[in-house]
N, C-alpha and C. Protein backbone atom coordinates (compact mmCIF):
# COMPACT_ATOMS: atom_id res chain seq x y z
N PRO A 1 11.34 -11.66 1.85
CA PRO A 1 11.43 -10.49 2.71
C PRO A 1 12.33 -10.75 3.91
N ASP A 2 12.63 -9.68 4.65
CA ASP A 2 13.37 -9.83 5.90
C ASP A 2 12.59 -10.79 6.79
N SER A 3 13.10 -11.08 7.99
CA SER A 3 12.34 -11.97 8.87
C SER A 3 10.96 -11.38 9.09
N LEU A 4 9.97 -12.24 9.09
CA LEU A 4 8.58 -11.80 9.12
C LEU A 4 8.17 -11.30 10.50
N PRO A 5 7.26 -10.34 10.54
CA PRO A 5 6.73 -9.87 11.82
C PRO A 5 6.00 -11.01 12.54
N LYS A 6 5.87 -10.88 13.83
CA LYS A 6 5.16 -11.88 14.64
C LYS A 6 3.74 -12.06 14.10
N GLY A 7 3.37 -13.32 13.89
CA GLY A 7 2.03 -13.65 13.43
C GLY A 7 1.87 -13.66 11.92
N VAL A 8 2.88 -13.25 11.19
CA VAL A 8 2.81 -13.21 9.73
C VAL A 8 3.46 -14.46 9.16
N THR A 9 2.81 -15.06 8.18
CA THR A 9 3.35 -16.25 7.52
C THR A 9 3.48 -15.99 6.02
N ALA A 10 4.27 -16.81 5.36
CA ALA A 10 4.40 -16.71 3.91
C ALA A 10 3.05 -16.92 3.23
N ALA A 11 2.22 -17.80 3.79
CA ALA A 11 0.89 -18.04 3.23
C ALA A 11 0.02 -16.78 3.31
N MET A 12 0.14 -16.04 4.39
CA MET A 12 -0.61 -14.77 4.52
C MET A 12 -0.18 -13.79 3.44
N ILE A 13 1.12 -13.71 3.19
CA ILE A 13 1.64 -12.79 2.17
C ILE A 13 1.09 -13.18 0.80
N GLN A 14 1.06 -14.47 0.52
CA GLN A 14 0.51 -14.94 -0.76
C GLN A 14 -0.98 -14.60 -0.88
N GLN A 15 -1.73 -14.83 0.19
CA GLN A 15 -3.15 -14.50 0.18
C GLN A 15 -3.33 -12.99 0.02
N GLY A 16 -2.50 -12.21 0.71
CA GLY A 16 -2.58 -10.76 0.62
C GLY A 16 -2.30 -10.25 -0.79
N ASP A 17 -1.36 -10.90 -1.47
CA ASP A 17 -1.04 -10.56 -2.86
C ASP A 17 -2.29 -10.74 -3.72
N LYS A 18 -2.96 -11.86 -3.57
CA LYS A 18 -4.18 -12.13 -4.35
C LYS A 18 -5.27 -11.12 -4.03
N LEU A 19 -5.44 -10.80 -2.76
CA LEU A 19 -6.45 -9.82 -2.37
C LEU A 19 -6.11 -8.43 -2.87
N PHE A 20 -4.84 -8.04 -2.77
CA PHE A 20 -4.38 -6.73 -3.22
C PHE A 20 -4.74 -6.52 -4.69
N HIS A 21 -4.53 -7.56 -5.47
CA HIS A 21 -4.77 -7.48 -6.92
C HIS A 21 -6.18 -7.89 -7.32
N GLY A 22 -7.00 -8.28 -6.35
CA GLY A 22 -8.35 -8.76 -6.65
C GLY A 22 -9.39 -8.07 -5.80
N ALA A 23 -10.05 -8.87 -4.95
CA ALA A 23 -11.21 -8.41 -4.19
C ALA A 23 -10.92 -7.24 -3.25
N GLY A 24 -9.68 -7.10 -2.83
CA GLY A 24 -9.33 -5.99 -1.94
C GLY A 24 -9.31 -4.64 -2.65
N ILE A 25 -9.30 -4.67 -3.96
CA ILE A 25 -9.28 -3.51 -4.86
C ILE A 25 -8.15 -2.51 -4.58
N CYS A 26 -7.11 -2.94 -3.91
CA CYS A 26 -5.98 -2.06 -3.57
C CYS A 26 -5.25 -1.57 -4.81
N ALA A 27 -5.08 -2.48 -5.79
CA ALA A 27 -4.32 -2.14 -7.00
C ALA A 27 -5.00 -1.04 -7.81
N THR A 28 -6.29 -0.83 -7.59
CA THR A 28 -6.99 0.24 -8.31
C THR A 28 -6.33 1.59 -8.06
N CYS A 29 -5.95 1.85 -6.82
CA CYS A 29 -5.33 3.13 -6.48
C CYS A 29 -3.82 3.06 -6.33
N HIS A 30 -3.32 1.91 -5.93
CA HIS A 30 -1.87 1.79 -5.69
C HIS A 30 -1.13 1.18 -6.86
N GLY A 31 -1.86 0.74 -7.90
CA GLY A 31 -1.24 0.19 -9.10
C GLY A 31 -0.96 -1.30 -8.99
N GLN A 32 -0.90 -1.97 -10.13
CA GLN A 32 -0.61 -3.41 -10.15
C GLN A 32 0.77 -3.70 -9.56
N ASP A 33 1.70 -2.75 -9.71
CA ASP A 33 3.05 -2.93 -9.17
C ASP A 33 3.20 -2.32 -7.77
N ALA A 34 2.11 -1.77 -7.23
CA ALA A 34 2.05 -1.14 -5.91
C ALA A 34 2.93 0.10 -5.80
N LYS A 35 3.33 0.65 -6.94
CA LYS A 35 4.19 1.84 -6.93
C LYS A 35 3.39 3.13 -6.99
N GLY A 36 2.07 3.02 -6.85
CA GLY A 36 1.21 4.19 -6.77
C GLY A 36 0.63 4.60 -8.10
N VAL A 37 -0.47 5.33 -8.01
CA VAL A 37 -1.13 5.92 -9.16
C VAL A 37 -1.28 7.41 -8.82
N PRO A 38 -0.66 8.30 -9.61
CA PRO A 38 -0.74 9.73 -9.30
C PRO A 38 -2.17 10.21 -9.08
N GLY A 39 -2.36 10.90 -7.96
CA GLY A 39 -3.67 11.43 -7.63
C GLY A 39 -4.62 10.44 -6.99
N LEU A 40 -4.21 9.15 -6.92
CA LEU A 40 -5.08 8.13 -6.33
C LEU A 40 -4.47 7.44 -5.12
N GLY A 41 -3.27 6.90 -5.27
CA GLY A 41 -2.66 6.15 -4.17
C GLY A 41 -1.15 6.24 -4.21
N VAL A 42 -0.54 6.18 -3.04
CA VAL A 42 0.91 6.34 -2.92
C VAL A 42 1.65 5.03 -3.19
N ASN A 43 2.96 5.16 -3.39
CA ASN A 43 3.86 4.04 -3.57
C ASN A 43 3.96 3.25 -2.27
N LEU A 44 3.78 1.94 -2.36
CA LEU A 44 3.87 1.08 -1.17
C LEU A 44 5.13 0.21 -1.20
N THR A 45 6.01 0.44 -2.16
CA THR A 45 7.17 -0.44 -2.31
C THR A 45 8.46 0.15 -1.76
N ASP A 46 8.44 1.40 -1.35
CA ASP A 46 9.66 2.01 -0.84
C ASP A 46 9.62 2.07 0.69
N LYS A 47 10.62 2.69 1.27
CA LYS A 47 10.70 2.78 2.73
C LYS A 47 10.05 4.06 3.28
N GLU A 48 9.42 4.86 2.40
CA GLU A 48 8.79 6.10 2.84
C GLU A 48 7.33 5.86 3.18
N TRP A 49 6.98 6.12 4.43
CA TRP A 49 5.60 5.95 4.89
C TRP A 49 5.06 7.30 5.32
N LEU A 50 3.95 7.72 4.76
CA LEU A 50 3.39 9.04 5.04
C LEU A 50 2.57 9.09 6.31
N HIS A 51 1.90 7.99 6.65
CA HIS A 51 0.94 8.04 7.75
C HIS A 51 1.23 7.05 8.87
N SER A 52 2.37 6.39 8.81
CA SER A 52 2.73 5.45 9.88
C SER A 52 4.23 5.20 9.83
N ASP A 53 4.68 4.30 10.69
CA ASP A 53 6.10 3.95 10.70
C ASP A 53 6.42 2.78 9.78
N GLY A 54 5.40 2.26 9.08
CA GLY A 54 5.63 1.16 8.14
C GLY A 54 5.72 -0.21 8.78
N SER A 55 5.47 -0.28 10.09
CA SER A 55 5.48 -1.59 10.75
C SER A 55 4.21 -2.35 10.33
N TYR A 56 4.26 -3.66 10.47
CA TYR A 56 3.11 -4.48 10.11
C TYR A 56 1.86 -4.03 10.88
N GLU A 57 2.00 -3.82 12.18
CA GLU A 57 0.86 -3.41 13.00
C GLU A 57 0.29 -2.08 12.53
N ALA A 58 1.17 -1.15 12.16
CA ALA A 58 0.72 0.17 11.70
C ALA A 58 0.01 0.07 10.35
N ILE A 59 0.48 -0.83 9.48
CA ILE A 59 -0.16 -1.02 8.18
C ILE A 59 -1.55 -1.61 8.36
N VAL A 60 -1.68 -2.58 9.28
CA VAL A 60 -3.01 -3.15 9.58
C VAL A 60 -3.95 -2.03 10.01
N LYS A 61 -3.51 -1.21 10.96
CA LYS A 61 -4.34 -0.12 11.47
C LYS A 61 -4.72 0.85 10.36
N GLN A 62 -3.74 1.17 9.50
CA GLN A 62 -4.00 2.12 8.41
C GLN A 62 -5.06 1.59 7.45
N ILE A 63 -4.97 0.31 7.12
CA ILE A 63 -5.97 -0.27 6.22
C ILE A 63 -7.34 -0.29 6.89
N LEU A 64 -7.38 -0.67 8.16
CA LEU A 64 -8.66 -0.74 8.87
C LEU A 64 -9.34 0.61 9.01
N THR A 65 -8.55 1.66 9.27
CA THR A 65 -9.14 2.98 9.54
C THR A 65 -9.14 3.90 8.33
N GLY A 66 -8.27 3.64 7.36
CA GLY A 66 -8.16 4.51 6.20
C GLY A 66 -7.40 5.79 6.51
N VAL A 67 -7.48 6.75 5.61
CA VAL A 67 -6.84 8.05 5.77
C VAL A 67 -7.87 9.12 5.48
N PRO A 68 -8.40 9.76 6.53
CA PRO A 68 -9.39 10.83 6.32
C PRO A 68 -8.73 12.07 5.69
N ALA A 69 -9.52 12.89 5.04
CA ALA A 69 -9.02 14.09 4.37
C ALA A 69 -8.19 14.96 5.30
N GLY A 70 -8.66 15.14 6.52
CA GLY A 70 -7.95 16.01 7.47
C GLY A 70 -6.61 15.48 7.94
N GLN A 71 -6.33 14.20 7.71
CA GLN A 71 -5.07 13.61 8.14
C GLN A 71 -4.14 13.27 6.97
N SER A 72 -4.63 13.40 5.76
CA SER A 72 -3.85 13.00 4.60
C SER A 72 -2.73 13.98 4.32
N LYS A 73 -1.49 13.49 4.32
CA LYS A 73 -0.33 14.32 4.01
C LYS A 73 -0.11 14.45 2.52
N SER A 74 -0.75 13.58 1.74
CA SER A 74 -0.61 13.62 0.28
C SER A 74 -1.81 14.28 -0.38
N GLY A 75 -2.85 14.56 0.42
CA GLY A 75 -4.07 15.12 -0.14
C GLY A 75 -5.00 14.05 -0.67
N ILE A 76 -4.60 12.78 -0.54
CA ILE A 76 -5.39 11.66 -1.04
C ILE A 76 -6.11 11.00 0.12
N VAL A 77 -7.40 10.84 -0.01
CA VAL A 77 -8.21 10.17 1.01
C VAL A 77 -8.26 8.68 0.70
N MET A 78 -8.15 7.85 1.75
CA MET A 78 -8.33 6.42 1.58
C MET A 78 -9.44 5.97 2.52
N PRO A 79 -10.51 5.42 2.00
CA PRO A 79 -11.56 4.93 2.89
C PRO A 79 -11.09 3.71 3.69
N ALA A 80 -11.72 3.46 4.80
CA ALA A 80 -11.41 2.26 5.59
C ALA A 80 -11.48 1.03 4.68
N LYS A 81 -10.52 0.15 4.82
CA LYS A 81 -10.40 -1.07 4.01
C LYS A 81 -10.33 -0.74 2.52
N GLY A 82 -9.91 0.47 2.20
CA GLY A 82 -9.80 0.87 0.80
C GLY A 82 -11.13 0.90 0.09
N GLY A 83 -12.21 0.89 0.84
CA GLY A 83 -13.54 0.88 0.25
C GLY A 83 -14.02 -0.52 -0.11
N SER A 84 -13.24 -1.53 0.26
CA SER A 84 -13.61 -2.92 -0.06
C SER A 84 -14.42 -3.52 1.09
N ALA A 85 -14.85 -4.74 0.89
CA ALA A 85 -15.60 -5.47 1.92
C ALA A 85 -14.73 -6.55 2.57
N MET A 86 -13.43 -6.31 2.65
CA MET A 86 -12.54 -7.32 3.25
C MET A 86 -12.87 -7.56 4.71
N THR A 87 -12.67 -8.80 5.13
CA THR A 87 -12.79 -9.15 6.54
C THR A 87 -11.51 -8.70 7.26
N ASP A 88 -11.55 -8.72 8.57
CA ASP A 88 -10.35 -8.35 9.33
C ASP A 88 -9.19 -9.31 9.03
N ASP A 89 -9.48 -10.60 8.87
CA ASP A 89 -8.41 -11.55 8.53
C ASP A 89 -7.81 -11.22 7.17
N GLN A 90 -8.66 -10.83 6.22
CA GLN A 90 -8.15 -10.45 4.90
C GLN A 90 -7.33 -9.18 4.97
N VAL A 91 -7.73 -8.24 5.82
CA VAL A 91 -6.94 -7.02 6.01
C VAL A 91 -5.55 -7.39 6.53
N HIS A 92 -5.49 -8.31 7.47
CA HIS A 92 -4.19 -8.73 8.00
C HIS A 92 -3.32 -9.36 6.91
N ALA A 93 -3.94 -10.12 6.01
CA ALA A 93 -3.19 -10.72 4.91
C ALA A 93 -2.68 -9.65 3.95
N VAL A 94 -3.52 -8.68 3.60
CA VAL A 94 -3.09 -7.59 2.72
C VAL A 94 -1.97 -6.79 3.38
N ALA A 95 -2.11 -6.54 4.67
CA ALA A 95 -1.06 -5.81 5.39
C ALA A 95 0.26 -6.57 5.35
N ALA A 96 0.19 -7.89 5.47
CA ALA A 96 1.41 -8.71 5.40
C ALA A 96 2.05 -8.57 4.02
N TYR A 97 1.24 -8.60 2.98
CA TYR A 97 1.75 -8.43 1.62
C TYR A 97 2.36 -7.04 1.45
N VAL A 98 1.65 -6.01 1.86
CA VAL A 98 2.16 -4.63 1.73
C VAL A 98 3.45 -4.48 2.52
N TRP A 99 3.50 -5.02 3.73
CA TRP A 99 4.73 -4.96 4.52
C TRP A 99 5.88 -5.61 3.74
N SER A 100 5.61 -6.75 3.11
CA SER A 100 6.67 -7.47 2.39
C SER A 100 7.22 -6.67 1.22
N LEU A 101 6.41 -5.81 0.63
CA LEU A 101 6.85 -5.03 -0.54
C LEU A 101 8.00 -4.10 -0.21
N SER A 102 8.00 -3.56 0.99
CA SER A 102 9.05 -2.61 1.37
C SER A 102 10.11 -3.23 2.26
N HIS A 103 10.07 -4.53 2.42
CA HIS A 103 11.05 -5.22 3.26
C HIS A 103 11.70 -6.37 2.49
N LYS A 104 12.02 -6.12 1.25
CA LYS A 104 12.67 -7.15 0.44
C LYS A 104 14.14 -7.26 0.84
N LYS A 105 14.65 -8.49 0.77
CA LYS A 105 16.08 -8.67 1.00
C LYS A 105 16.84 -8.06 -0.15
N LYS A 106 17.96 -7.49 0.15
CA LYS A 106 18.78 -6.84 -0.88
C LYS A 106 19.63 -7.85 -1.60
């Protein structure tokens, strides 16, 4: 990825990848390739962000708080932490992974 945001390490991204595809249950709605599942979760690999500016800090906040029905621009609700039991540290790791998906070097 591009230069990493402050506080993010390659190890966090690797841990976030494992959580995204495992205990974090993110892939259930966003797909194994993170390109989204129609009617469940949006694409996380492009530069289009529906509910934030796509910064690492904004992604952390989005995962922690979720997307309530009244704020969803896609009509899709996301519970806080995606409905998982992730710790705050795990949320930060998943956010690092998600950030890396849309910040690949060309």
